[in-house]
Each structure stands twice: as C-alpha cells, then as structure tokens.
Amino acid sequence: MAKRNFGFPGGGGANMQQMMKQAQKLQQQVLEMSENLDSQLYEATSGGGMVSCTINGKHELVGLTIKPEVVDPDDVDMLQDLILAAVNECLRKVDDAKENAFSAIAPGMGGLF
C-alpha cells in the first residue's frame, strides 16, 4: 500500500515536527513580547501639557497630572475633555505599540494580539 503524505512534502512527519517547533518558538516570542509591552509605560498630554497621563501596557492608568491653572470650577467640562483626550491618546499609543511589535514577529497578525 502506498504511503500517503496528505500534501506534506517528505512524508509529513518530520515537516509536522518542524512546524510544531516553529509554533512553539512563536508562542514563546509572543509571551515574552507581551510581558515586555505590559511592563512599559506610555505617556500623553492634552491642552498643551496642562493634563498628562501615564498608562502601562495593561491599559491601567498609573499616573495623572493636572496643572492647577487649568482647574476652573466654572468650566469643569473643559477639564473633563482634557482628561479624556490625554487618556484616549495614551491608550492609542499602547495599542499602536502592541500592534507594531506583534506584526513584526507575525506579519499580518498584529490585530489578533
């Protein structure tokens, strides 16, 4: 009876083992990169530096600075907008950093991480 290789050159067994090794290596790279990115800090400002925030790679807000001169009790809406702008920009930086890092090791798959 003829040996079937189901489309894998060289009989499939050795090729399958090589594919598994490559998958394990990629999995390890993803884990290491994820841990590294999670530990990094990202910063953003708004209002010309009146509000600044720091977020880690886990999307946790770890720092928020508001300059006293931007605090106006009669215009709380502006302060809220500045805070939201800084935090959202910082979150975009985290996501962009992760997207770029992961697409470097697995092109086309950055959005999956």
PDB file of N, CA and C in Angstrom:
ATOM      1  N   MET A   1       0.849  -1.165   0.000  1.00  0.00           N
ATOM      2  CA  MET A   1       0.000   0.000   0.000  1.00  0.00           C
ATOM      3  C   MET A   1       0.900   1.234   0.000  1.00  0.00           C
ATOM      4  N   ALA A   2       0.556   2.224  -0.801  1.00  0.00           N
ATOM      5  CA  ALA A   2       1.366   3.443  -0.925  1.00  0.00           C
ATOM      6  C   ALA A   2       1.180   4.332   0.302  1.00  0.00           C
ATOM      7  N   LYS A   3       2.286   4.928   0.728  1.00  0.00           N
ATOM      8  CA  LYS A   3       2.249   5.832   1.881  1.00  0.00           C
ATOM      9  C   LYS A   3       1.659   7.169   1.434  1.00  0.00           C
ATOM     10  N   ARG A   4       0.705   7.669   2.195  1.00  0.00           N
ATOM     11  CA  ARG A   4       0.069   8.947   1.853  1.00  0.00           C
ATOM     12  C   ARG A   4       0.674  10.036   2.723  1.00  0.00           C
ATOM     13  N   ASN A   5       0.986  11.177   2.099  1.00  0.00           N
ATOM     14  CA  ASN A   5       1.588  12.259   2.872  1.00  0.00           C
ATOM     15  C   ASN A   5       0.643  13.446   3.046  1.00  0.00           C
ATOM     16  N   PHE A   6      -0.572  13.339   2.556  1.00  0.00           N
ATOM     17  CA  PHE A   6      -1.608  14.355   2.743  1.00  0.00           C
ATOM     18  C   PHE A   6      -1.118  15.764   2.411  1.00  0.00           C
ATOM     19  N   GLY A   7      -0.370  15.873   1.315  1.00  0.00           N
ATOM     20  CA  GLY A   7       0.053  17.179   0.848  1.00  0.00           C
ATOM     21  C   GLY A   7       1.317  17.721   1.486  1.00  0.00           C
ATOM     22  N   PHE A   8       1.901  16.987   2.435  1.00  0.00           N
ATOM     23  CA  PHE A   8       3.139  17.438   3.070  1.00  0.00           C
ATOM     24  C   PHE A   8       4.309  16.795   2.355  1.00  0.00           C
ATOM     25  N   PRO A   9       5.217  17.600   1.851  1.00  0.00           N
ATOM     26  CA  PRO A   9       6.383  17.003   1.190  1.00  0.00           C
ATOM     27  C   PRO A   9       7.239  16.229   2.193  1.00  0.00           C
ATOM     28  N   GLY A  10       7.881  15.194   1.716  1.00  0.00           N
ATOM     29  CA  GLY A  10       8.797  14.432   2.557  1.00  0.00           C
ATOM     30  C   GLY A  10       8.088  13.526   3.544  1.00  0.00           C
ATOM     31  N   GLY A  11       6.853  13.170   3.292  1.00  0.00           N
ATOM     32  CA  GLY A  11       6.167  12.231   4.161  1.00  0.00           C
ATOM     33  C   GLY A  11       5.361  12.886   5.262  1.00  0.00           C
ATOM     34  N   GLY A  12       5.609  14.120   5.610  1.00  0.00           N
ATOM     35  CA  GLY A  12       4.764  14.836   6.561  1.00  0.00           C
ATOM     36  C   GLY A  12       5.215  14.776   7.997  1.00  0.00           C
ATOM     37  N   GLY A  13       5.754  13.669   8.493  1.00  0.00           N
ATOM     38  CA  GLY A  13       6.101  13.542   9.905  1.00  0.00           C
ATOM     39  C   GLY A  13       7.155  14.532  10.349  1.00  0.00           C
ATOM     40  N   ALA A  14       8.265  14.569   9.647  1.00  0.00           N
ATOM     41  CA  ALA A  14       9.346  15.484  10.007  1.00  0.00           C
ATOM     42  C   ALA A  14       8.912  16.929   9.811  1.00  0.00           C
ATOM     43  N   ASN A  15       8.157  17.162   8.748  1.00  0.00           N
ATOM     44  CA  ASN A  15       7.679  18.508   8.464  1.00  0.00           C
ATOM     45  C   ASN A  15       6.717  18.990   9.562  1.00  0.00           C
ATOM     46  N   MET A  16       5.889  18.100  10.047  1.00  0.00           N
ATOM     47  CA  MET A  16       4.933  18.442  11.097  1.00  0.00           C
ATOM     48  C   MET A  16       5.677  18.773  12.393  1.00  0.00           C
ATOM     49  N   GLN A  17       6.728  18.023  12.694  1.00  0.00           N
ATOM     50  CA  GLN A  17       7.523  18.312  13.885  1.00  0.00           C
ATOM     51  C   GLN A  17       8.183  19.680  13.771  1.00  0.00           C
ATOM     52  N   GLN A  18       8.674  20.015  12.583  1.00  0.00           N
ATOM     53  CA  GLN A  18       9.296  21.321  12.361  1.00  0.00           C
ATOM     54  C   GLN A  18       8.262  22.432  12.526  1.00  0.00           C
ATOM     55  N   MET A  19       7.075  22.213  12.017  1.00  0.00           N
ATOM     56  CA  MET A  19       6.004  23.211  12.169  1.00  0.00           C
ATOM     57  C   MET A  19       5.647  23.398  13.640  1.00  0.00           C
ATOM     58  N   MET A  20       5.619  22.325  14.408  1.00  0.00           N
ATOM     59  CA  MET A  20       5.309  22.414  15.836  1.00  0.00           C
ATOM     60  C   MET A  20       6.402  23.184  16.572  1.00  0.00           C
ATOM     61  N   LYS A  21       7.656  22.947  16.215  1.00  0.00           N
ATOM     62  CA  LYS A  21       8.759  23.678  16.838  1.00  0.00           C
ATOM     63  C   LYS A  21       8.663  25.168  16.530  1.00  0.00           C
ATOM     64  N   GLN A  22       8.320  25.486  15.277  1.00  0.00           N
ATOM     65  CA  GLN A  22       8.173  26.885  14.898  1.00  0.00           C
ATOM     66  C   GLN A  22       7.008  27.535  15.644  1.00  0.00           C
ATOM     67  N   ALA A  23       5.922  26.804  15.798  1.00  0.00           N
ATOM     68  CA  ALA A  23       4.764  27.331  16.521  1.00  0.00           C
ATOM     69  C   ALA A  23       5.110  27.570  17.992  1.00  0.00           C
ATOM     70  N   GLN A  24       5.848  26.657  18.594  1.00  0.00           N
ATOM     71  CA  GLN A  24       6.260  26.829  19.991  1.00  0.00           C
ATOM     72  C   GLN A  24       7.197  28.021  20.140  1.00  0.00           C
ATOM     73  N   LYS A  25       8.092  28.200  19.181  1.00  0.00           N
ATOM     74  CA  LYS A  25       9.012  29.337  19.215  1.00  0.00           C
ATOM     75  C   LYS A  25       8.234  30.642  19.089  1.00  0.00           C
ATOM     76  N   LEU A  26       7.281  30.691  18.181  1.00  0.00           N
ATOM     77  CA  LEU A  26       6.451  31.882  18.015  1.00  0.00           C
ATOM     78  C   LEU A  26       5.643  32.153  19.274  1.00  0.00           C
ATOM     79  N   GLN A  27       5.100  31.118  19.887  1.00  0.00           N
ATOM     80  CA  GLN A  27       4.334  31.263  21.122  1.00  0.00           C
ATOM     81  C   GLN A  27       5.217  31.852  22.231  1.00  0.00           C
ATOM     82  N   GLN A  28       6.452  31.395  22.342  1.00  0.00           N
ATOM     83  CA  GLN A  28       7.376  31.917  23.347  1.00  0.00           C
ATOM     84  C   GLN A  28       7.712  33.379  23.074  1.00  0.00           C
ATOM     85  N   GLN A  29       7.926  33.718  21.794  1.00  0.00           N
ATOM     86  CA  GLN A  29       8.210  35.101  21.426  1.00  0.00           C
ATOM     87  C   GLN A  29       7.034  36.010  21.778  1.00  0.00           C
ATOM     88  N   VAL A  30       5.832  35.549  21.505  1.00  0.00           N
ATOM     89  CA  VAL A  30       4.633  36.329  21.800  1.00  0.00           C
ATOM     90  C   VAL A  30       4.503  36.541  23.305  1.00  0.00           C
ATOM     91  N   LEU A  31       4.746  35.504  24.087  1.00  0.00           N
ATOM     92  CA  LEU A  31       4.662  35.611  25.541  1.00  0.00           C
ATOM     93  C   LEU A  31       5.691  36.611  26.077  1.00  0.00           C
ATOM     94  N   GLU A  32       6.925  36.506  25.632  1.00  0.00           N
ATOM     95  CA  GLU A  32       7.971  37.412  26.084  1.00  0.00           C
ATOM     96  C   GLU A  32       7.674  38.853  25.676  1.00  0.00           C
ATOM     97  N   MET A  33       7.235  39.044  24.442  1.00  0.00           N
ATOM     98  CA  MET A  33       6.931  40.380  23.973  1.00  0.00           C
ATOM     99  C   MET A  33       5.741  40.970  24.723  1.00  0.00           C
ATOM    100  N   SER A  34       4.757  40.152  24.981  1.00  0.00           N
ATOM    101  CA  SER A  34       3.582  40.611  25.715  1.00  0.00           C
ATOM    102  C   SER A  34       3.952  41.060  27.119  1.00  0.00           C
ATOM    103  N   GLU A  35       4.783  40.284  27.802  1.00  0.00           N
ATOM    104  CA  GLU A  35       5.228  40.654  29.144  1.00  0.00           C
ATOM    105  C   GLU A  35       6.024  41.955  29.116  1.00  0.00           C
ATOM    106  N   ASN A  36       6.872  42.101  28.107  1.00  0.00           N
ATOM    107  CA  ASN A  36       7.662  43.322  27.974  1.00  0.00           C
ATOM    108  C   ASN A  36       6.756  44.536  27.716  1.00  0.00           C
ATOM    109  N   LEU A  37       5.821  44.397  26.804  1.00  0.00           N
ATOM    110  CA  LEU A  37       4.924  45.509  26.492  1.00  0.00           C
ATOM    111  C   LEU A  37       4.027  45.864  27.675  1.00  0.00           C
ATOM    112  N   ASP A  38       3.597  44.866  28.423  1.00  0.00           N
ATOM    113  CA  ASP A  38       2.743  45.124  29.589  1.00  0.00           C
ATOM    114  C   ASP A  38       3.468  45.923  30.664  1.00  0.00           C
ATOM    115  N   SER A  39       4.781  45.782  30.727  1.00  0.00           N
ATOM    116  CA  SER A  39       5.544  46.473  31.769  1.00  0.00           C
ATOM    117  C   SER A  39       5.970  47.885  31.360  1.00  0.00           C
ATOM    118  N   GLN A  40       5.822  48.210  30.096  1.00  0.00           N
ATOM    119  CA  GLN A  40       6.221  49.536  29.634  1.00  0.00           C
ATOM    120  C   GLN A  40       5.189  50.595  30.026  1.00  0.00           C
ATOM    121  N   LEU A  41       5.663  51.835  30.112  1.00  0.00           N
ATOM    122  CA  LEU A  41       4.781  52.964  30.408  1.00  0.00           C
ATOM    123  C   LEU A  41       4.664  53.851  29.178  1.00  0.00           C
ATOM    124  N   TYR A  42       3.464  54.369  28.970  1.00  0.00           N
ATOM    125  CA  TYR A  42       3.172  55.224  27.833  1.00  0.00           C
ATOM    126  C   TYR A  42       2.597  56.532  28.372  1.00  0.00           C
ATOM    127  N   GLU A  43       3.005  57.644  27.769  1.00  0.00           N
ATOM    128  CA  GLU A  43       2.559  58.946  28.245  1.00  0.00           C
ATOM    129  C   GLU A  43       1.924  59.740  27.114  1.00  0.00           C
ATOM    130  N   ALA A  44       0.963  60.587  27.494  1.00  0.00           N
ATOM    131  CA  ALA A  44       0.335  61.500  26.542  1.00  0.00           C
ATOM    132  C   ALA A  44      -0.116  62.731  27.302  1.00  0.00           C
ATOM    133  N   THR A  45      -0.237  63.832  26.564  1.00  0.00           N
ATOM    134  CA  THR A  45      -0.699  65.081  27.167  1.00  0.00           C
ATOM    135  C   THR A  45      -1.812  65.672  26.316  1.00  0.00           C
ATOM    136  N   SER A  46      -2.514  66.625  26.906  1.00  0.00           N
ATOM    137  CA  SER A  46      -3.504  67.405  26.165  1.00  0.00           C
ATOM    138  C   SER A  46      -3.497  68.820  26.707  1.00  0.00           C
ATOM    139  N   GLY A  47      -4.125  69.706  25.958  1.00  0.00           N
ATOM    140  CA  GLY A  47      -4.194  71.094  26.396  1.00  0.00           C
ATOM    141  C   GLY A  47      -2.836  71.745  26.494  1.00  0.00           C
ATOM    142  N   GLY A  48      -1.947  71.398  25.576  1.00  0.00           N
ATOM    143  CA  GLY A  48      -0.616  71.987  25.611  1.00  0.00           C
ATOM    144  C   GLY A  48       0.183  71.599  26.838  1.00  0.00           C
ATOM    145  N   GLY A  49      -0.064  70.409  27.354  1.00  0.00           N
ATOM    146  CA  GLY A  49       0.661  69.916  28.518  1.00  0.00           C
ATOM    147  C   GLY A  49      -0.035  70.199  29.837  1.00  0.00           C
ATOM    148  N   MET A  50      -1.244  70.737  29.778  1.00  0.00           N
ATOM    149  CA  MET A  50      -1.984  71.037  31.009  1.00  0.00           C
ATOM    150  C   MET A  50      -2.430  69.769  31.728  1.00  0.00           C
ATOM    151  N   VAL A  51      -2.708  68.735  30.952  1.00  0.00           N
ATOM    152  CA  VAL A  51      -3.095  67.440  31.513  1.00  0.00           C
ATOM    153  C   VAL A  51      -2.180  66.389  30.906  1.00  0.00           C
ATOM    154  N   SER A  52      -1.597  65.565  31.752  1.00  0.00           N
ATOM    155  CA  SER A  52      -0.778  64.461  31.249  1.00  0.00           C
ATOM    156  C   SER A  52      -1.161  63.190  31.988  1.00  0.00           C
ATOM    157  N   CYS A  53      -1.010  62.085  31.285  1.00  0.00           N
ATOM    158  CA  CYS A  53      -1.333  60.809  31.922  1.00  0.00           C
ATOM    159  C   CYS A  53      -0.287  59.776  31.540  1.00  0.00           C
ATOM    160  N   THR A  54      -0.207  58.754  32.362  1.00  0.00           N
ATOM    161  CA  THR A  54       0.686  57.626  32.133  1.00  0.00           C
ATOM    162  C   THR A  54      -0.136  56.356  32.280  1.00  0.00           C
ATOM    163  N   ILE A  55      -0.001  55.494  31.289  1.00  0.00           N
ATOM    164  CA  ILE A  55      -0.734  54.224  31.267  1.00  0.00           C
ATOM    165  C   ILE A  55       0.276  53.119  31.002  1.00  0.00           C
ATOM    166  N   ASN A  56       0.106  51.981  31.685  1.00  0.00           N
ATOM    167  CA  ASN A  56       1.007  50.860  31.413  1.00  0.00           C
ATOM    168  C   ASN A  56       0.442  50.010  30.280  1.00  0.00           C
ATOM    169  N   GLY A  57       1.207  49.023  29.872  1.00  0.00           N
ATOM    170  CA  GLY A  57       0.808  48.172  28.759  1.00  0.00           C
ATOM    171  C   GLY A  57      -0.401  47.305  29.028  1.00  0.00           C
ATOM    172  N   LYS A  58      -0.834  47.257  30.274  1.00  0.00           N
ATOM    173  CA  LYS A  58      -2.048  46.505  30.630  1.00  0.00           C
ATOM    174  C   LYS A  58      -3.281  47.397  30.577  1.00  0.00           C
ATOM    175  N   HIS A  59      -3.117  48.596  30.041  1.00  0.00           N
ATOM    176  CA  HIS A  59      -4.199  49.585  29.935  1.00  0.00           C
ATOM    177  C   HIS A  59      -4.664  50.088  31.295  1.00  0.00           C
ATOM    178  N   GLU A  60      -3.743  50.145  32.255  1.00  0.00           N
ATOM    179  CA  GLU A  60      -4.065  50.667  33.578  1.00  0.00           C
ATOM    180  C   GLU A  60      -3.523  52.087  33.685  1.00  0.00           C
ATOM    181  N   LEU A  61      -4.364  53.007  34.110  1.00  0.00           N
ATOM    182  CA  LEU A  61      -3.936  54.383  34.342  1.00  0.00           C
ATOM    183  C   LEU A  61      -3.103  54.394  35.613  1.00  0.00           C
ATOM    184  N   VAL A  62      -1.820  54.754  35.490  1.00  0.00           N
ATOM    185  CA  VAL A  62      -0.927  54.726  36.650  1.00  0.00           C
ATOM    186  C   VAL A  62      -0.477  56.121  37.064  1.00  0.00           C
ATOM    187  N   GLY A  63      -0.820  57.125  36.276  1.00  0.00           N
ATOM    188  CA  GLY A  63      -0.453  58.483  36.639  1.00  0.00           C
ATOM    189  C   GLY A  63      -1.321  59.494  35.921  1.00  0.00           C
ATOM    190  N   LEU A  64      -1.676  60.558  36.623  1.00  0.00           N
ATOM    191  CA  LEU A  64      -2.473  61.635  36.041  1.00  0.00           C
ATOM    192  C   LEU A  64      -2.023  62.933  36.686  1.00  0.00           C
ATOM    193  N   THR A  65      -1.621  63.895  35.864  1.00  0.00           N
ATOM    194  CA  THR A  65      -1.180  65.191  36.360  1.00  0.00           C
ATOM    195  C   THR A  65      -2.036  66.277  35.730  1.00  0.00           C
ATOM    196  N   ILE A  66      -2.563  67.142  36.579  1.00  0.00           N
ATOM    197  CA  ILE A  66      -3.377  68.261  36.116  1.00  0.00           C
ATOM    198  C   ILE A  66      -2.740  69.531  36.665  1.00  0.00           C
ATOM    199  N   LYS A  67      -2.345  70.415  35.770  1.00  0.00           N
ATOM    200  CA  LYS A  67      -1.733  71.673  36.222  1.00  0.00           C
ATOM    201  C   LYS A  67      -2.815  72.552  36.856  1.00  0.00           C
ATOM    202  N   PRO A  68      -2.508  73.169  37.981  1.00  0.00           N
ATOM    203  CA  PRO A  68      -3.505  73.958  38.719  1.00  0.00           C
ATOM    204  C   PRO A  68      -4.167  75.050  37.880  1.00  0.00           C
ATOM    205  N   GLU A  69      -3.428  75.640  36.965  1.00  0.00           N
ATOM    206  CA  GLU A  69      -4.002  76.737  36.185  1.00  0.00           C
ATOM    207  C   GLU A  69      -5.118  76.323  35.227  1.00  0.00           C
ATOM    208  N   VAL A  70      -5.256  75.019  34.981  1.00  0.00           N
ATOM    209  CA  VAL A  70      -6.333  74.561  34.100  1.00  0.00           C
ATOM    210  C   VAL A  70      -7.606  74.245  34.891  1.00  0.00           C
ATOM    211  N   VAL A  71      -7.512  74.225  36.203  1.00  0.00           N
ATOM    212  CA  VAL A  71      -8.668  73.914  37.043  1.00  0.00           C
ATOM    213  C   VAL A  71      -9.514  75.184  37.212  1.00  0.00           C
ATOM    214  N   ASP A  72     -10.671  75.171  36.581  1.00  0.00           N
ATOM    215  CA  ASP A  72     -11.611  76.295  36.658  1.00  0.00           C
ATOM    216  C   ASP A  72     -12.951  75.723  37.100  1.00  0.00           C
ATOM    217  N   PRO A  73     -13.384  76.030  38.327  1.00  0.00           N
ATOM    218  CA  PRO A  73     -14.641  75.479  38.825  1.00  0.00           C
ATOM    219  C   PRO A  73     -15.840  75.825  37.952  1.00  0.00           C
ATOM    220  N   ASP A  74     -15.723  76.893  37.169  1.00  0.00           N
ATOM    221  CA  ASP A  74     -16.825  77.278  36.288  1.00  0.00           C
ATOM    222  C   ASP A  74     -16.774  76.568  34.940  1.00  0.00           C
ATOM    223  N   ASP A  75     -15.709  75.813  34.693  1.00  0.00           N
ATOM    224  CA  ASP A  75     -15.581  75.121  33.404  1.00  0.00           C
ATOM    225  C   ASP A  75     -15.059  73.696  33.611  1.00  0.00           C
ATOM    226  N   VAL A  76     -15.792  72.935  34.370  1.00  0.00           N
ATOM    227  CA  VAL A  76     -15.421  71.541  34.637  1.00  0.00           C
ATOM    228  C   VAL A  76     -15.451  70.713  33.353  1.00  0.00           C
ATOM    229  N   ASP A  77     -16.346  71.061  32.439  1.00  0.00           N
ATOM    230  CA  ASP A  77     -16.445  70.314  31.177  1.00  0.00           C
ATOM    231  C   ASP A  77     -15.127  70.342  30.407  1.00  0.00           C
ATOM    232  N   MET A  78     -14.450  71.488  30.385  1.00  0.00           N
ATOM    233  CA  MET A  78     -13.183  71.585  29.675  1.00  0.00           C
ATOM    234  C   MET A  78     -12.147  70.662  30.314  1.00  0.00           C
ATOM    235  N   LEU A  79     -12.081  70.640  31.625  1.00  0.00           N
ATOM    236  CA  LEU A  79     -11.128  69.776  32.322  1.00  0.00           C
ATOM    237  C   LEU A  79     -11.414  68.309  32.030  1.00  0.00           C
ATOM    238  N   GLN A  80     -12.678  67.941  32.047  1.00  0.00           N
ATOM    239  CA  GLN A  80     -13.042  66.557  31.721  1.00  0.00           C
ATOM    240  C   GLN A  80     -12.623  66.205  30.302  1.00  0.00           C
ATOM    241  N   ASP A  81     -12.840  67.118  29.367  1.00  0.00           N
ATOM    242  CA  ASP A  81     -12.448  66.877  27.976  1.00  0.00           C
ATOM    243  C   ASP A  81     -10.936  66.709  27.844  1.00  0.00           C
ATOM    244  N   LEU A  82     -10.176  67.521  28.573  1.00  0.00           N
ATOM    245  CA  LEU A  82      -8.716  67.414  28.527  1.00  0.00           C
ATOM    246  C   LEU A  82      -8.241  66.077  29.089  1.00  0.00           C
ATOM    247  N   ILE A  83      -8.868  65.643  30.153  1.00  0.00           N
ATOM    248  CA  ILE A  83      -8.502  64.348  30.749  1.00  0.00           C
ATOM    249  C   ILE A  83      -8.826  63.216  29.779  1.00  0.00           C
ATOM    250  N   LEU A  84     -10.020  63.252  29.220  1.00  0.00           N
ATOM    251  CA  LEU A  84     -10.402  62.207  28.262  1.00  0.00           C
ATOM    252  C   LEU A  84      -9.463  62.195  27.055  1.00  0.00           C
ATOM    253  N   ALA A  85      -9.121  63.356  26.547  1.00  0.00           N
ATOM    254  CA  ALA A  85      -8.229  63.428  25.387  1.00  0.00           C
ATOM    255  C   ALA A  85      -6.860  62.823  25.704  1.00  0.00           C
ATOM    256  N   ALA A  86      -6.310  63.158  26.862  1.00  0.00           N
ATOM    257  CA  ALA A  86      -4.994  62.623  27.233  1.00  0.00           C
ATOM    258  C   ALA A  86      -5.045  61.107  27.422  1.00  0.00           C
ATOM    259  N   VAL A  87      -6.051  60.629  28.126  1.00  0.00           N
ATOM    260  CA  VAL A  87      -6.156  59.192  28.386  1.00  0.00           C
ATOM    261  C   VAL A  87      -6.385  58.424  27.086  1.00  0.00           C
ATOM    262  N   ASN A  88      -7.275  58.909  26.238  1.00  0.00           N
ATOM    263  CA  ASN A  88      -7.541  58.207  24.980  1.00  0.00           C
ATOM    264  C   ASN A  88      -6.326  58.193  24.066  1.00  0.00           C
ATOM    265  N   GLU A  89      -5.572  59.279  24.014  1.00  0.00           N
ATOM    266  CA  GLU A  89      -4.349  59.312  23.218  1.00  0.00           C
ATOM    267  C   GLU A  89      -3.325  58.322  23.760  1.00  0.00           C
ATOM    268  N   CYS A  90      -3.230  58.235  25.052  1.00  0.00           N
ATOM    269  CA  CYS A  90      -2.292  57.304  25.675  1.00  0.00           C
ATOM    270  C   CYS A  90      -2.697  55.852  25.373  1.00  0.00           C
ATOM    271  N   LEU A  91      -3.972  55.564  25.451  1.00  0.00           N
ATOM    272  CA  LEU A  91      -4.456  54.218  25.121  1.00  0.00           C
ATOM    273  C   LEU A  91      -4.154  53.869  23.662  1.00  0.00           C
ATOM    274  N   ARG A  92      -4.287  54.839  22.766  1.00  0.00           N
ATOM    275  CA  ARG A  92      -3.942  54.606  21.356  1.00  0.00           C
ATOM    276  C   ARG A  92      -2.455  54.277  21.222  1.00  0.00           C
ATOM    277  N   LYS A  93      -1.614  54.958  22.002  1.00  0.00           N
ATOM    278  CA  LYS A  93      -0.180  54.676  21.954  1.00  0.00           C
ATOM    279  C   LYS A  93       0.114  53.239  22.396  1.00  0.00           C
ATOM    280  N   VAL A  94      -0.564  52.788  23.443  1.00  0.00           N
ATOM    281  CA  VAL A  94      -0.381  51.404  23.912  1.00  0.00           C
ATOM    282  C   VAL A  94      -0.771  50.436  22.803  1.00  0.00           C
ATOM    283  N   ASP A  95      -1.942  50.640  22.226  1.00  0.00           N
ATOM    284  CA  ASP A  95      -2.428  49.737  21.181  1.00  0.00           C
ATOM    285  C   ASP A  95      -1.525  49.757  19.951  1.00  0.00           C
ATOM    286  N   ASP A  96      -1.067  50.942  19.550  1.00  0.00           N
ATOM    287  CA  ASP A  96      -0.167  51.039  18.397  1.00  0.00           C
ATOM    288  C   ASP A  96       1.158  50.325  18.663  1.00  0.00           C
ATOM    289  N   ALA A  97       1.688  50.482  19.863  1.00  0.00           N
ATOM    290  CA  ALA A  97       2.950  49.822  20.206  1.00  0.00           C
ATOM    291  C   ALA A  97       2.798  48.307  20.140  1.00  0.00           C
ATOM    292  N   LYS A  98       1.696  47.804  20.657  1.00  0.00           N
ATOM    293  CA  LYS A  98       1.466  46.351  20.619  1.00  0.00           C
ATOM    294  C   LYS A  98       1.255  45.873  19.192  1.00  0.00           C
ATOM    295  N   GLU A  99       0.468  46.595  18.433  1.00  0.00           N
ATOM    296  CA  GLU A  99       0.216  46.233  17.036  1.00  0.00           C
ATOM    297  C   GLU A  99       1.526  46.168  16.255  1.00  0.00           C
ATOM    298  N   ASN A 100       2.360  47.183  16.402  1.00  0.00           N
ATOM    299  CA  ASN A 100       3.634  47.221  15.682  1.00  0.00           C
ATOM    300  C   ASN A 100       4.570  46.109  16.129  1.00  0.00           C
ATOM    301  N   ALA A 101       4.637  45.867  17.410  1.00  0.00           N
ATOM    302  CA  ALA A 101       5.539  44.836  17.931  1.00  0.00           C
ATOM    303  C   ALA A 101       5.122  43.446  17.459  1.00  0.00           C
ATOM    304  N   PHE A 102       3.846  43.150  17.538  1.00  0.00           N
ATOM    305  CA  PHE A 102       3.404  41.808  17.172  1.00  0.00           C
ATOM    306  C   PHE A 102       3.419  41.593  15.661  1.00  0.00           C
ATOM    307  N   SER A 103       3.142  42.619  14.889  1.00  0.00           N
ATOM    308  CA  SER A 103       3.175  42.422  13.450  1.00  0.00           C
ATOM    309  C   SER A 103       4.609  42.260  12.961  1.00  0.00           C
ATOM    310  N   ALA A 104       5.598  42.663  13.782  1.00  0.00           N
ATOM    311  CA  ALA A 104       6.996  42.448  13.420  1.00  0.00           C
ATOM    312  C   ALA A 104       7.371  40.968  13.508  1.00  0.00           C
ATOM    313  N   ILE A 105       6.776  40.232  14.465  1.00  0.00           N
ATOM    314  CA  ILE A 105       7.120  38.813  14.590  1.00  0.00           C
ATOM    315  C   ILE A 105       6.127  37.925  13.848  1.00  0.00           C
ATOM    316  N   ALA A 106       4.916  38.421  13.609  1.00  0.00           N
ATOM    317  CA  ALA A 106       3.916  37.648  12.878  1.00  0.00           C
ATOM    318  C   ALA A 106       3.183  38.600  11.934  1.00  0.00           C
ATOM    319  N   PRO A 107       3.795  38.950  10.788  1.00  0.00           N
ATOM    320  CA  PRO A 107       3.198  39.914   9.866  1.00  0.00           C
ATOM    321  C   PRO A 107       1.753  39.560   9.517  1.00  0.00           C
ATOM    322  N   GLY A 108       0.913  40.579   9.559  1.00  0.00           N
ATOM    323  CA  GLY A 108      -0.484  40.388   9.231  1.00  0.00           C
ATOM    324  C   GLY A 108      -1.339  39.909  10.383  1.00  0.00           C
ATOM    325  N   MET A 109      -0.710  39.614  11.527  1.00  0.00           N
ATOM    326  CA  MET A 109      -1.461  39.070  12.659  1.00  0.00           C
ATOM    327  C   MET A 109      -1.473  40.012  13.849  1.00  0.00           C
ATOM    328  N   GLY A 110      -0.920  41.213  13.717  1.00  0.00           N
ATOM    329  CA  GLY A 110      -0.847  42.147  14.840  1.00  0.00           C
ATOM    330  C   GLY A 110      -2.188  42.404  15.479  1.00  0.00           C
ATOM    331  N   GLY A 111      -3.241  42.497  14.675  1.00  0.00           N
ATOM    332  CA  GLY A 111      -4.576  42.760  15.195  1.00  0.00           C
ATOM    333  C   GLY A 111      -5.150  41.633  16.026  1.00  0.00           C
ATOM    334  N   LEU A 112      -4.554  40.463  15.945  1.00  0.00           N
ATOM    335  CA  LEU A 112      -5.059  39.325  16.709  1.00  0.00           C
ATOM    336  C   LEU A 112      -4.589  39.340  18.138  1.00  0.00           C
ATOM    337  N   PHE A 113      -3.571  40.138  18.462  1.00  0.00           N
ATOM    338  CA  PHE A 113      -3.000  40.156  19.793  1.00  0.00           C
ATOM    339  C   PHE A 113      -3.575  41.300  20.525  1.00  0.00           C
TER     340      PHE A 113
END
